[in-house]
Protein backbone atom coordinates (compact mmCIF):
# COMPACT_ATOMS: atom_id res chain seq x y z
CA MET A 1 -211.36 33.01 55.99
CA ALA A 2 -209.24 32.02 52.99
CA THR A 3 -210.97 30.47 50.03
CA PRO A 4 -209.55 27.04 49.22
CA GLU A 5 -208.36 26.68 45.67
CA LEU A 6 -211.32 25.64 43.59
CA THR A 7 -211.46 24.24 40.11
CA TYR A 8 -213.36 26.26 37.53
CA GLU A 9 -216.19 23.75 37.64
CA GLN A 10 -216.44 23.89 41.44
CA ALA A 11 -216.40 27.69 41.53
CA ARG A 12 -218.97 27.94 38.73
CA ALA A 13 -221.31 25.43 40.38
CA GLU A 14 -221.15 27.27 43.68
CA LEU A 15 -221.66 30.60 41.90
CA VAL A 16 -224.79 29.24 40.21
CA SER A 17 -226.07 28.16 43.63
CA VAL A 18 -225.34 31.59 45.11
CA VAL A 19 -227.20 33.32 42.29
CA GLU A 20 -230.19 31.02 42.68
CA ARG A 21 -230.32 31.72 46.41
CA LEU A 22 -230.11 35.47 45.83
CA GLU A 23 -232.84 35.34 43.19
CA ALA A 24 -235.09 33.31 45.50
CA GLY A 25 -234.84 35.98 48.18
CA GLY A 26 -236.39 35.45 51.57
CA GLY A 27 -233.23 35.94 53.58
CA THR A 28 -232.05 38.83 55.66
CA LEU A 29 -230.10 41.75 54.28
CA GLU A 30 -226.96 40.43 55.99
CA GLU A 31 -227.42 37.01 54.38
CA ALA A 32 -227.91 38.60 50.98
CA LEU A 33 -224.77 40.70 51.41
CA ALA A 34 -222.76 37.65 52.46
CA LEU A 35 -224.02 35.73 49.43
CA TRP A 36 -223.20 38.67 47.15
CA GLU A 37 -219.66 38.88 48.54
CA ARG A 38 -219.16 35.14 48.09
CA GLY A 39 -220.46 35.45 44.56
CA GLU A 40 -217.91 38.17 43.82
CA VAL A 41 -215.09 35.92 45.06
CA LEU A 42 -216.36 33.00 43.00
CA ALA A 43 -216.73 35.16 39.89
CA LYS A 44 -213.09 36.28 40.25
CA ILE A 45 -211.96 32.66 40.58
CA CYS A 46 -213.89 31.73 37.43
CA GLN A 47 -212.47 34.72 35.56
CA HIS A 48 -208.94 33.74 36.62
CA TRP A 49 -209.44 30.23 35.18
CA LEU A 50 -210.93 31.63 31.96
CA ASP A 51 -208.09 34.13 31.54
CA ALA A 52 -205.52 31.36 32.04
CA ALA A 53 -207.30 29.17 29.50
CA ARG A 54 -207.32 32.03 26.97
CA ILE A 55 -203.58 32.52 27.42
CA ARG A 56 -202.97 28.79 26.89
CA LEU A 57 -205.09 28.80 23.73
CA ASP A 58 -203.41 31.91 22.36
CA THR A 59 -199.98 30.41 23.08
CA ALA A 60 -200.90 27.14 21.38
CA ARG A 61 -202.25 28.98 18.33
CA ALA A 62 -199.18 31.18 18.12
CA SER A 63 -196.81 28.22 18.30
CA ARG A 64 -198.84 26.37 15.67
CA THR A 65 -198.68 29.26 13.21
CA SER A 66 -194.98 29.95 13.81
CA THR A 67 -193.87 26.31 13.43
CA PRO A 68 -193.76 25.06 9.84
CA SER A 69 -195.55 21.78 9.27
CA LEU A 70 -193.85 18.76 7.72
CA GLY A 71 -195.64 19.45 4.44
CA ASP A 72 -194.04 22.89 4.27
CA ALA A 73 -190.45 21.57 4.30
CA LYS A 74 -188.67 21.78 0.95
CA SER A 75 -186.41 18.89 -0.09
């Protein structure tokens, strides 16, 4: 079953729920394994979003430092 594209917030919220359910226990081993596997998928989705955000921030910072500001122009 393919995972639909989730936003960071959706994936994180579901991951929190998965962790809470795992910590609560009470399920079967198979249920725990399924939750763990879903958690791994959700963690990868979150990491993908965070990595993309880091790249965007780094790019914005690099362009800001390489572009002279108006106050730097000499007349």
